[in-house]
Amino acid sequence: MSEFLTYLENRISETMQQEKRLIDSGRKDEANLEKIKNNVYGICKTIYEVAQKQTQEEKEAETFFVKKLEHLETTWRESYEKAKEFSNTEKILVEEIKLAALSEARQQFEAEV
């Protein structure tokens, strides 16, 4: 198993544990934010696994993965800008969290490549 996949699995586990701790302490709103991070790491893991299965060469898999992350980033950034335009603070926060988690995962991936 690649180090990057292990990293994603660890981040998924950590965010799940943090979400549970927050729920147990009555902090449901904060727990929901951890769940968002967890979902982003899960999406990255799925895309990474698909990239590994669908391509023969490592370089092709890397390119596929990065392109998918770039597409997600573009989509989420557009959603963030739209939320700002309409002063939707809840949506702004959600999109910021998604973008931050995606950026963290991408930086980790690039550090390993």
N, C-alpha and C. Protein backbone atom coordinates (compact mmCIF):
# COMPACT_ATOMS: atom_id res chain seq x y z
N MET A 1 0.85 -1.18 0.00
CA MET A 1 0.00 0.00 0.00
C MET A 1 0.89 1.24 0.00
N SER A 2 0.49 2.21 -0.76
CA SER A 2 1.31 3.41 -0.86
C SER A 2 1.22 4.24 0.43
N GLU A 3 2.24 5.04 0.62
CA GLU A 3 2.26 5.92 1.79
C GLU A 3 1.11 6.92 1.74
N PHE A 4 0.77 7.36 0.54
CA PHE A 4 -0.31 8.34 0.41
C PHE A 4 -1.65 7.73 0.81
N LEU A 5 -1.90 6.50 0.41
CA LEU A 5 -3.14 5.83 0.77
C LEU A 5 -3.20 5.64 2.29
N THR A 6 -2.08 5.29 2.88
CA THR A 6 -2.01 5.16 4.34
C THR A 6 -2.30 6.50 5.01
N TYR A 7 -1.73 7.57 4.46
CA TYR A 7 -1.99 8.92 4.98
C TYR A 7 -3.49 9.22 4.95
N LEU A 8 -4.15 8.95 3.82
CA LEU A 8 -5.58 9.23 3.70
C LEU A 8 -6.39 8.40 4.69
N GLU A 9 -6.04 7.14 4.83
CA GLU A 9 -6.75 6.29 5.78
C GLU A 9 -6.57 6.79 7.21
N ASN A 10 -5.38 7.26 7.53
CA ASN A 10 -5.14 7.82 8.87
C ASN A 10 -5.95 9.09 9.09
N ARG A 11 -6.00 9.95 8.09
CA ARG A 11 -6.78 11.19 8.20
C ARG A 11 -8.27 10.89 8.35
N ILE A 12 -8.76 9.89 7.62
CA ILE A 12 -10.16 9.48 7.73
C ILE A 12 -10.44 8.99 9.15
N SER A 13 -9.57 8.16 9.67
CA SER A 13 -9.73 7.64 11.02
C SER A 13 -9.68 8.76 12.06
N GLU A 14 -8.73 9.67 11.91
CA GLU A 14 -8.59 10.78 12.86
C GLU A 14 -9.82 11.68 12.86
N THR A 15 -10.32 11.99 11.68
CA THR A 15 -11.49 12.88 11.62
C THR A 15 -12.74 12.17 12.17
N MET A 16 -12.85 10.87 11.96
CA MET A 16 -13.98 10.12 12.52
C MET A 16 -13.93 10.13 14.05
N GLN A 17 -12.74 9.93 14.60
CA GLN A 17 -12.57 9.93 16.05
C GLN A 17 -12.87 11.31 16.62
N GLN A 18 -12.38 12.36 15.95
CA GLN A 18 -12.63 13.72 16.42
C GLN A 18 -14.12 14.04 16.34
N GLU A 19 -14.77 13.61 15.27
CA GLU A 19 -16.21 13.83 15.14
C GLU A 19 -16.96 13.19 16.31
N LYS A 20 -16.59 11.96 16.62
CA LYS A 20 -17.25 11.25 17.74
C LYS A 20 -17.01 11.97 19.06
N ARG A 21 -15.77 12.42 19.31
CA ARG A 21 -15.48 13.14 20.55
C ARG A 21 -16.32 14.41 20.66
N LEU A 22 -16.45 15.12 19.55
CA LEU A 22 -17.23 16.35 19.55
C LEU A 22 -18.71 16.08 19.79
N ILE A 23 -19.24 15.02 19.19
CA ILE A 23 -20.64 14.66 19.41
C ILE A 23 -20.85 14.30 20.88
N ASP A 24 -19.92 13.50 21.42
CA ASP A 24 -20.03 13.08 22.82
C ASP A 24 -19.98 14.26 23.79
N SER A 25 -19.32 15.35 23.38
CA SER A 25 -19.25 16.52 24.26
C SER A 25 -20.31 17.56 23.90
N GLY A 26 -21.28 17.17 23.07
CA GLY A 26 -22.40 18.05 22.76
C GLY A 26 -22.08 19.15 21.77
N ARG A 27 -21.06 18.96 20.98
CA ARG A 27 -20.64 20.00 20.01
C ARG A 27 -20.92 19.51 18.59
N LYS A 28 -22.23 19.34 18.31
CA LYS A 28 -22.68 18.76 17.05
C LYS A 28 -22.25 19.59 15.84
N ASP A 29 -22.33 20.92 15.93
CA ASP A 29 -21.94 21.76 14.79
C ASP A 29 -20.47 21.56 14.42
N GLU A 30 -19.61 21.51 15.42
CA GLU A 30 -18.19 21.27 15.16
C GLU A 30 -17.96 19.86 14.63
N ALA A 31 -18.74 18.90 15.12
CA ALA A 31 -18.64 17.52 14.64
C ALA A 31 -18.99 17.46 13.16
N ASN A 32 -19.97 18.24 12.74
CA ASN A 32 -20.35 18.26 11.33
C ASN A 32 -19.21 18.78 10.45
N LEU A 33 -18.43 19.70 10.98
CA LEU A 33 -17.28 20.21 10.22
C LEU A 33 -16.21 19.14 10.06
N GLU A 34 -16.02 18.33 11.08
CA GLU A 34 -15.08 17.20 10.98
C GLU A 34 -15.58 16.18 9.96
N LYS A 35 -16.88 16.00 9.92
CA LYS A 35 -17.46 15.07 8.96
C LYS A 35 -17.20 15.53 7.53
N ILE A 36 -17.22 16.84 7.31
CA ILE A 36 -16.92 17.39 5.99
C ILE A 36 -15.49 17.04 5.60
N LYS A 37 -14.55 17.24 6.50
CA LYS A 37 -13.15 16.87 6.23
C LYS A 37 -13.05 15.39 5.91
N ASN A 38 -13.72 14.58 6.71
CA ASN A 38 -13.70 13.14 6.51
C ASN A 38 -14.19 12.80 5.11
N ASN A 39 -15.25 13.44 4.68
CA ASN A 39 -15.78 13.18 3.34
C ASN A 39 -14.77 13.54 2.25
N VAL A 40 -14.07 14.65 2.42
CA VAL A 40 -13.08 15.08 1.43
C VAL A 40 -11.95 14.05 1.35
N TYR A 41 -11.46 13.60 2.50
CA TYR A 41 -10.40 12.58 2.49
C TYR A 41 -10.90 11.29 1.86
N GLY A 42 -12.15 10.94 2.11
CA GLY A 42 -12.74 9.76 1.50
C GLY A 42 -12.84 9.88 -0.01
N ILE A 43 -13.22 11.06 -0.49
CA ILE A 43 -13.27 11.32 -1.93
C ILE A 43 -11.88 11.18 -2.54
N CYS A 44 -10.90 11.76 -1.89
CA CYS A 44 -9.51 11.67 -2.38
C CYS A 44 -9.06 10.21 -2.44
N LYS A 45 -9.40 9.45 -1.42
CA LYS A 45 -9.02 8.03 -1.38
C LYS A 45 -9.65 7.28 -2.54
N THR A 46 -10.93 7.52 -2.77
CA THR A 46 -11.62 6.84 -3.87
C THR A 46 -11.01 7.20 -5.21
N ILE A 47 -10.76 8.47 -5.43
CA ILE A 47 -10.16 8.90 -6.70
C ILE A 47 -8.78 8.27 -6.87
N TYR A 48 -8.00 8.25 -5.80
CA TYR A 48 -6.66 7.67 -5.86
C TYR A 48 -6.72 6.18 -6.22
N GLU A 49 -7.63 5.47 -5.58
CA GLU A 49 -7.76 4.04 -5.85
C GLU A 49 -8.22 3.78 -7.29
N VAL A 50 -9.14 4.60 -7.78
CA VAL A 50 -9.59 4.47 -9.16
C VAL A 50 -8.43 4.74 -10.12
N ALA A 51 -7.65 5.76 -9.82
CA ALA A 51 -6.50 6.10 -10.66
C ALA A 51 -5.52 4.93 -10.74
N GLN A 52 -5.30 4.28 -9.62
CA GLN A 52 -4.38 3.15 -9.57
C GLN A 52 -4.90 1.96 -10.37
N LYS A 53 -6.20 1.75 -10.36
CA LYS A 53 -6.78 0.60 -11.05
C LYS A 53 -6.94 0.83 -12.55
N GLN A 54 -7.22 2.07 -12.95
CA GLN A 54 -7.55 2.34 -14.34
C GLN A 54 -6.35 2.61 -15.24
N THR A 55 -5.22 2.87 -14.67
CA THR A 55 -4.07 3.22 -15.50
C THR A 55 -2.95 2.20 -15.31
N GLN A 56 -2.21 2.01 -16.37
CA GLN A 56 -1.14 1.02 -16.35
C GLN A 56 0.16 1.58 -15.76
N GLU A 57 0.44 2.83 -16.08
CA GLU A 57 1.70 3.43 -15.64
C GLU A 57 1.46 4.37 -14.47
N GLU A 58 2.44 4.43 -13.60
CA GLU A 58 2.34 5.26 -12.41
C GLU A 58 2.13 6.73 -12.76
N LYS A 59 2.86 7.19 -13.78
CA LYS A 59 2.76 8.60 -14.18
C LYS A 59 1.34 8.94 -14.65
N GLU A 60 0.72 8.01 -15.37
CA GLU A 60 -0.66 8.22 -15.82
C GLU A 60 -1.60 8.32 -14.63
N ALA A 61 -1.40 7.48 -13.64
CA ALA A 61 -2.23 7.49 -12.44
C ALA A 61 -2.08 8.82 -11.70
N GLU A 62 -0.85 9.29 -11.60
CA GLU A 62 -0.60 10.57 -10.94
C GLU A 62 -1.30 11.71 -11.67
N THR A 63 -1.20 11.71 -12.98
CA THR A 63 -1.83 12.76 -13.79
C THR A 63 -3.34 12.71 -13.64
N PHE A 64 -3.92 11.53 -13.72
CA PHE A 64 -5.36 11.35 -13.56
C PHE A 64 -5.81 11.89 -12.20
N PHE A 65 -5.09 11.51 -11.15
CA PHE A 65 -5.44 11.92 -9.79
C PHE A 65 -5.38 13.44 -9.64
N VAL A 66 -4.31 14.05 -10.09
CA VAL A 66 -4.15 15.50 -9.97
C VAL A 66 -5.23 16.24 -10.75
N LYS A 67 -5.56 15.75 -11.94
CA LYS A 67 -6.61 16.40 -12.74
C LYS A 67 -7.96 16.34 -12.03
N LYS A 68 -8.26 15.23 -11.41
CA LYS A 68 -9.51 15.11 -10.67
C LYS A 68 -9.53 16.05 -9.47
N LEU A 69 -8.39 16.16 -8.77
CA LEU A 69 -8.33 17.10 -7.65
C LEU A 69 -8.49 18.53 -8.12
N GLU A 70 -7.87 18.87 -9.24
CA GLU A 70 -8.01 20.21 -9.79
C GLU A 70 -9.46 20.52 -10.15
N HIS A 71 -10.15 19.52 -10.69
CA HIS A 71 -11.56 19.72 -11.03
C HIS A 71 -12.39 19.98 -9.76
N LEU A 72 -12.14 19.19 -8.72
CA LEU A 72 -12.83 19.41 -7.45
C LEU A 72 -12.55 20.80 -6.91
N GLU A 73 -11.28 21.18 -6.93
CA GLU A 73 -10.91 22.49 -6.42
C GLU A 73 -11.63 23.61 -7.17
N THR A 74 -11.68 23.50 -8.48
CA THR A 74 -12.36 24.52 -9.29
C THR A 74 -13.84 24.58 -8.93
N THR A 75 -14.47 23.45 -8.84
CA THR A 75 -15.90 23.39 -8.51
C THR A 75 -16.17 23.98 -7.13
N TRP A 76 -15.37 23.58 -6.16
CA TRP A 76 -15.58 24.06 -4.79
C TRP A 76 -15.23 25.53 -4.65
N ARG A 77 -14.24 25.99 -5.39
CA ARG A 77 -13.89 27.41 -5.34
C ARG A 77 -15.03 28.25 -5.95
N GLU A 78 -15.63 27.77 -7.02
CA GLU A 78 -16.77 28.47 -7.62
C GLU A 78 -17.93 28.54 -6.63
N SER A 79 -18.16 27.45 -5.94
CA SER A 79 -19.22 27.41 -4.93
C SER A 79 -18.91 28.38 -3.79
N TYR A 80 -17.65 28.45 -3.41
CA TYR A 80 -17.21 29.39 -2.37
C TYR A 80 -17.46 30.83 -2.80
N GLU A 81 -17.09 31.15 -4.02
CA GLU A 81 -17.27 32.52 -4.52
C GLU A 81 -18.75 32.89 -4.60
N LYS A 82 -19.57 31.94 -5.00
CA LYS A 82 -21.00 32.19 -5.06
C LYS A 82 -21.57 32.42 -3.66
N ALA A 83 -21.11 31.63 -2.70
CA ALA A 83 -21.55 31.80 -1.31
C ALA A 83 -21.14 33.18 -0.78
N LYS A 84 -19.94 33.61 -1.13
CA LYS A 84 -19.49 34.95 -0.73
C LYS A 84 -20.37 36.03 -1.36
N GLU A 85 -20.70 35.84 -2.61
CA GLU A 85 -21.53 36.80 -3.33
C GLU A 85 -22.88 36.99 -2.64
N PHE A 86 -23.42 35.92 -2.09
CA PHE A 86 -24.73 35.98 -1.44
C PHE A 86 -24.63 36.03 0.09
N SER A 87 -23.41 36.23 0.59
CA SER A 87 -23.16 36.33 2.04
C SER A 87 -23.71 35.15 2.83
N ASN A 88 -23.56 33.97 2.27
CA ASN A 88 -24.01 32.74 2.92
C ASN A 88 -22.86 32.21 3.77
N THR A 89 -22.80 32.65 5.02
CA THR A 89 -21.66 32.34 5.88
C THR A 89 -21.51 30.85 6.15
N GLU A 90 -22.61 30.13 6.27
CA GLU A 90 -22.51 28.69 6.52
C GLU A 90 -21.88 27.99 5.32
N LYS A 91 -22.30 28.33 4.13
CA LYS A 91 -21.76 27.73 2.91
C LYS A 91 -20.30 28.14 2.71
N ILE A 92 -19.98 29.38 3.04
CA ILE A 92 -18.59 29.84 2.95
C ILE A 92 -17.70 28.96 3.82
N LEU A 93 -18.12 28.72 5.06
CA LEU A 93 -17.34 27.91 5.98
C LEU A 93 -17.17 26.48 5.46
N VAL A 94 -18.26 25.90 4.96
CA VAL A 94 -18.19 24.54 4.42
C VAL A 94 -17.20 24.46 3.27
N GLU A 95 -17.29 25.41 2.34
CA GLU A 95 -16.39 25.39 1.18
C GLU A 95 -14.94 25.64 1.59
N GLU A 96 -14.72 26.50 2.58
CA GLU A 96 -13.36 26.73 3.07
C GLU A 96 -12.76 25.45 3.65
N ILE A 97 -13.57 24.72 4.40
CA ILE A 97 -13.09 23.48 5.00
C ILE A 97 -12.77 22.45 3.91
N LYS A 98 -13.65 22.33 2.93
CA LYS A 98 -13.41 21.39 1.83
C LYS A 98 -12.14 21.75 1.08
N LEU A 99 -11.97 23.03 0.78
CA LEU A 99 -10.78 23.46 0.04
C LEU A 99 -9.50 23.24 0.86
N ALA A 100 -9.56 23.50 2.15
CA ALA A 100 -8.38 23.31 3.01
C ALA A 100 -8.00 21.83 3.09
N ALA A 101 -8.98 20.96 3.28
CA ALA A 101 -8.69 19.52 3.36
C ALA A 101 -8.15 19.01 2.02
N LEU A 102 -8.73 19.48 0.93
CA LEU A 102 -8.26 19.08 -0.40
C LEU A 102 -6.83 19.55 -0.62
N SER A 103 -6.54 20.77 -0.23
CA SER A 103 -5.19 21.32 -0.38
C SER A 103 -4.19 20.52 0.45
N GLU A 104 -4.57 20.17 1.67
CA GLU A 104 -3.69 19.38 2.53
C GLU A 104 -3.39 18.02 1.88
N ALA A 105 -4.43 17.36 1.36
CA ALA A 105 -4.24 16.05 0.74
C ALA A 105 -3.35 16.18 -0.51
N ARG A 106 -3.59 17.21 -1.27
CA ARG A 106 -2.79 17.39 -2.50
C ARG A 106 -1.32 17.66 -2.16
N GLN A 107 -1.08 18.48 -1.15
CA GLN A 107 0.31 18.76 -0.75
C GLN A 107 1.00 17.48 -0.28
N GLN A 108 0.29 16.65 0.45
CA GLN A 108 0.86 15.39 0.91
C GLN A 108 1.17 14.49 -0.28
N PHE A 109 0.27 14.43 -1.25
CA PHE A 109 0.48 13.63 -2.44
C PHE A 109 1.72 14.10 -3.19
N GLU A 110 1.80 15.42 -3.41
CA GLU A 110 2.93 15.98 -4.16
C GLU A 110 4.26 15.80 -3.44
N ALA A 111 4.22 15.78 -2.12
CA ALA A 111 5.45 15.56 -1.34
C ALA A 111 5.97 14.13 -1.52
N GLU A 112 5.06 13.23 -1.82
CA GLU A 112 5.45 11.82 -1.98
C GLU A 112 5.81 11.47 -3.40
N VAL A 113 5.40 12.28 -4.35
CA VAL A 113 5.65 11.97 -5.77
C VAL A 113 7.07 12.33 -6.13
